[in-house]
């Protein structure tokens, strides 16, 4: 699993922009960008995306997500 390098202090805000590029095999594939660090990771499933965000949350960051998908996901 991919992880962001964390050099932000505990409790600071972390804003992630989610871009879902594909919906295949009953899951999402796309990118997640950490705005404050200008770092982007690719994910191959919704579970992998959740694990990426969870790793940031475990570091004590306040996670905020904004979605920018190509298609509206219901």
N, C-alpha and C. Protein backbone atom coordinates (compact mmCIF):
# COMPACT_ATOMS: atom_id res chain seq x y z
N UNK A 1 0.84 -1.18 0.00
CA UNK A 1 0.00 0.00 0.00
C UNK A 1 0.88 1.25 0.00
N UNK A 2 0.46 2.26 -0.74
CA UNK A 2 1.18 3.53 -0.79
C UNK A 2 0.85 4.34 0.45
N UNK A 3 1.83 5.11 0.93
CA UNK A 3 1.61 6.01 2.06
C UNK A 3 2.24 7.36 1.73
N UNK A 4 1.59 8.42 2.23
CA UNK A 4 2.18 9.74 2.12
C UNK A 4 3.31 9.87 3.13
N UNK A 5 4.34 10.62 2.76
CA UNK A 5 5.38 10.97 3.73
C UNK A 5 4.82 12.07 4.61
N UNK A 6 4.86 11.87 5.93
CA UNK A 6 4.24 12.81 6.84
C UNK A 6 5.29 13.65 7.55
N UNK A 7 5.33 14.94 7.23
CA UNK A 7 6.20 15.86 7.96
C UNK A 7 5.39 17.04 8.50
N UNK A 8 4.09 16.82 8.68
CA UNK A 8 3.20 17.83 9.25
C UNK A 8 2.96 17.48 10.71
N UNK A 9 2.82 18.50 11.55
CA UNK A 9 2.63 18.28 12.98
C UNK A 9 1.28 17.65 13.30
N UNK A 10 1.26 16.86 14.37
CA UNK A 10 0.03 16.22 14.84
C UNK A 10 -1.06 17.26 15.06
N UNK A 11 -2.30 16.91 14.70
CA UNK A 11 -3.44 17.79 14.91
C UNK A 11 -3.64 18.83 13.83
N UNK A 12 -2.70 18.95 12.89
CA UNK A 12 -2.87 19.91 11.81
C UNK A 12 -3.86 19.38 10.78
N UNK A 13 -4.41 20.31 10.02
CA UNK A 13 -5.38 19.97 8.98
C UNK A 13 -4.67 19.34 7.79
N UNK A 14 -5.28 18.30 7.25
CA UNK A 14 -4.79 17.67 6.03
C UNK A 14 -5.95 17.59 5.04
N UNK A 15 -5.85 18.31 3.93
CA UNK A 15 -6.90 18.33 2.92
C UNK A 15 -6.49 17.43 1.76
N UNK A 16 -7.39 16.51 1.40
CA UNK A 16 -7.14 15.59 0.30
C UNK A 16 -8.17 15.82 -0.79
N UNK A 17 -7.73 15.84 -2.03
CA UNK A 17 -8.64 15.94 -3.17
C UNK A 17 -8.66 14.58 -3.85
N UNK A 18 -9.85 14.03 -3.92
CA UNK A 18 -10.06 12.70 -4.50
C UNK A 18 -10.52 12.85 -5.95
N UNK A 19 -9.87 12.14 -6.86
CA UNK A 19 -10.33 12.09 -8.24
C UNK A 19 -10.50 10.64 -8.63
N UNK A 20 -11.76 10.24 -8.81
CA UNK A 20 -12.07 8.88 -9.26
C UNK A 20 -12.01 8.90 -10.78
N UNK A 21 -11.08 8.14 -11.35
CA UNK A 21 -10.91 8.11 -12.80
C UNK A 21 -11.69 6.98 -13.45
N UNK A 22 -11.80 5.85 -12.74
CA UNK A 22 -12.50 4.69 -13.28
C UNK A 22 -13.29 4.01 -12.17
N UNK A 23 -14.35 3.32 -12.58
CA UNK A 23 -15.09 2.45 -11.67
C UNK A 23 -15.15 1.09 -12.35
N UNK A 24 -14.23 0.20 -11.95
CA UNK A 24 -14.17 -1.13 -12.53
C UNK A 24 -14.09 -2.16 -11.41
N UNK A 25 -14.55 -3.37 -11.70
CA UNK A 25 -14.49 -4.47 -10.73
C UNK A 25 -15.15 -4.09 -9.41
N UNK A 26 -16.27 -3.38 -9.48
CA UNK A 26 -17.04 -2.97 -8.31
C UNK A 26 -16.22 -2.12 -7.34
N UNK A 27 -15.27 -1.32 -7.86
CA UNK A 27 -14.45 -0.48 -7.00
C UNK A 27 -14.02 0.77 -7.76
N UNK A 28 -13.26 1.63 -7.09
CA UNK A 28 -12.76 2.87 -7.67
C UNK A 28 -11.28 2.77 -7.96
N UNK A 29 -10.84 3.46 -9.00
CA UNK A 29 -9.43 3.66 -9.28
C UNK A 29 -9.24 5.15 -9.54
N UNK A 30 -8.16 5.71 -9.03
CA UNK A 30 -7.95 7.14 -9.23
C UNK A 30 -6.75 7.66 -8.48
N UNK A 31 -6.83 8.97 -8.15
CA UNK A 31 -5.73 9.62 -7.44
C UNK A 31 -6.27 10.35 -6.22
N UNK A 32 -5.39 10.52 -5.25
CA UNK A 32 -5.70 11.33 -4.08
C UNK A 32 -4.51 12.27 -3.88
N UNK A 33 -4.81 13.57 -3.81
CA UNK A 33 -3.75 14.58 -3.68
C UNK A 33 -3.82 15.20 -2.29
N UNK A 34 -2.68 15.26 -1.61
CA UNK A 34 -2.57 15.93 -0.32
C UNK A 34 -2.24 17.38 -0.65
N UNK A 35 -3.21 18.28 -0.45
CA UNK A 35 -3.10 19.67 -0.90
C UNK A 35 -1.94 20.40 -0.24
N UNK A 36 -1.84 20.31 1.08
CA UNK A 36 -0.81 21.07 1.80
C UNK A 36 0.61 20.65 1.41
N UNK A 37 0.80 19.40 1.04
CA UNK A 37 2.13 18.91 0.69
C UNK A 37 2.38 18.85 -0.82
N UNK A 38 1.32 19.07 -1.61
CA UNK A 38 1.42 18.98 -3.07
C UNK A 38 1.95 17.62 -3.50
N UNK A 39 1.43 16.58 -2.87
CA UNK A 39 1.84 15.20 -3.15
C UNK A 39 0.62 14.41 -3.62
N UNK A 40 0.79 13.58 -4.65
CA UNK A 40 -0.31 12.79 -5.21
C UNK A 40 0.05 11.31 -5.19
N UNK A 41 -0.94 10.49 -4.79
CA UNK A 41 -0.79 9.04 -4.84
C UNK A 41 -1.91 8.46 -5.70
N UNK A 42 -1.63 7.35 -6.32
CA UNK A 42 -2.63 6.62 -7.10
C UNK A 42 -3.15 5.46 -6.26
N UNK A 43 -4.44 5.15 -6.39
CA UNK A 43 -5.00 4.00 -5.70
C UNK A 43 -5.75 3.13 -6.70
N UNK A 44 -5.80 1.83 -6.41
CA UNK A 44 -6.41 0.87 -7.33
C UNK A 44 -7.74 0.33 -6.84
N UNK A 45 -8.14 0.70 -5.63
CA UNK A 45 -9.43 0.24 -5.10
C UNK A 45 -9.90 1.22 -4.04
N UNK A 46 -11.19 1.18 -3.74
CA UNK A 46 -11.74 2.03 -2.68
C UNK A 46 -11.09 1.68 -1.35
N UNK A 47 -10.82 0.41 -1.12
CA UNK A 47 -10.18 -0.01 0.13
C UNK A 47 -8.78 0.59 0.24
N UNK A 48 -8.03 0.58 -0.85
CA UNK A 48 -6.69 1.17 -0.83
C UNK A 48 -6.77 2.66 -0.55
N UNK A 49 -7.75 3.36 -1.13
CA UNK A 49 -7.96 4.78 -0.86
C UNK A 49 -8.24 5.02 0.62
N UNK A 50 -9.12 4.22 1.20
CA UNK A 50 -9.45 4.36 2.62
C UNK A 50 -8.22 4.12 3.49
N UNK A 51 -7.41 3.14 3.13
CA UNK A 51 -6.19 2.86 3.90
C UNK A 51 -5.20 4.02 3.83
N UNK A 52 -5.12 4.68 2.68
CA UNK A 52 -4.24 5.84 2.54
C UNK A 52 -4.68 6.95 3.50
N UNK A 53 -5.98 7.25 3.50
CA UNK A 53 -6.49 8.29 4.40
C UNK A 53 -6.35 7.88 5.86
N UNK A 54 -6.58 6.61 6.14
CA UNK A 54 -6.47 6.13 7.51
C UNK A 54 -5.04 6.26 8.03
N UNK A 55 -4.06 6.04 7.16
CA UNK A 55 -2.66 6.17 7.59
C UNK A 55 -2.36 7.62 7.99
N UNK A 56 -2.95 8.59 7.29
CA UNK A 56 -2.77 10.01 7.66
C UNK A 56 -3.48 10.30 8.98
N UNK A 57 -4.68 9.76 9.15
CA UNK A 57 -5.44 9.97 10.38
C UNK A 57 -4.71 9.37 11.57
N UNK A 58 -4.11 8.20 11.38
CA UNK A 58 -3.37 7.55 12.47
C UNK A 58 -2.17 8.38 12.92
N UNK A 59 -1.67 9.23 12.03
CA UNK A 59 -0.56 10.12 12.38
C UNK A 59 -1.06 11.33 13.17
N UNK A 60 -2.38 11.41 13.41
CA UNK A 60 -2.94 12.49 14.21
C UNK A 60 -3.39 13.69 13.42
N UNK A 61 -3.50 13.56 12.10
CA UNK A 61 -3.93 14.68 11.27
C UNK A 61 -5.45 14.74 11.21
N UNK A 62 -5.99 15.95 11.08
CA UNK A 62 -7.42 16.13 10.86
C UNK A 62 -7.65 16.03 9.35
N UNK A 63 -8.36 15.00 8.93
CA UNK A 63 -8.53 14.72 7.50
C UNK A 63 -9.81 15.34 6.97
N UNK A 64 -9.70 16.08 5.85
CA UNK A 64 -10.84 16.68 5.15
C UNK A 64 -10.72 16.27 3.69
N UNK A 65 -11.78 15.74 3.10
CA UNK A 65 -11.73 15.24 1.72
C UNK A 65 -12.71 16.02 0.85
N UNK A 66 -12.25 16.42 -0.34
CA UNK A 66 -13.11 17.03 -1.35
C UNK A 66 -13.07 16.14 -2.59
N UNK A 67 -14.22 15.82 -3.17
CA UNK A 67 -14.25 14.93 -4.33
C UNK A 67 -14.36 15.69 -5.64
N UNK A 68 -13.60 15.22 -6.63
CA UNK A 68 -13.62 15.81 -7.97
C UNK A 68 -13.70 14.71 -9.01
N UNK A 69 -14.66 13.81 -8.90
CA UNK A 69 -14.76 12.69 -9.82
C UNK A 69 -15.24 13.12 -11.19
N UNK A 70 -14.91 12.31 -12.20
CA UNK A 70 -15.38 12.57 -13.56
C UNK A 70 -16.88 12.37 -13.66
N UNK A 71 -17.39 11.40 -12.91
CA UNK A 71 -18.82 11.10 -12.93
C UNK A 71 -19.36 11.22 -11.52
N UNK A 72 -20.63 11.58 -11.43
CA UNK A 72 -21.26 11.61 -10.11
C UNK A 72 -21.40 10.19 -9.60
N UNK A 73 -20.93 9.95 -8.39
CA UNK A 73 -20.99 8.61 -7.80
C UNK A 73 -22.08 8.60 -6.75
N UNK A 74 -23.02 7.72 -6.92
CA UNK A 74 -24.16 7.64 -6.00
C UNK A 74 -23.99 6.43 -5.12
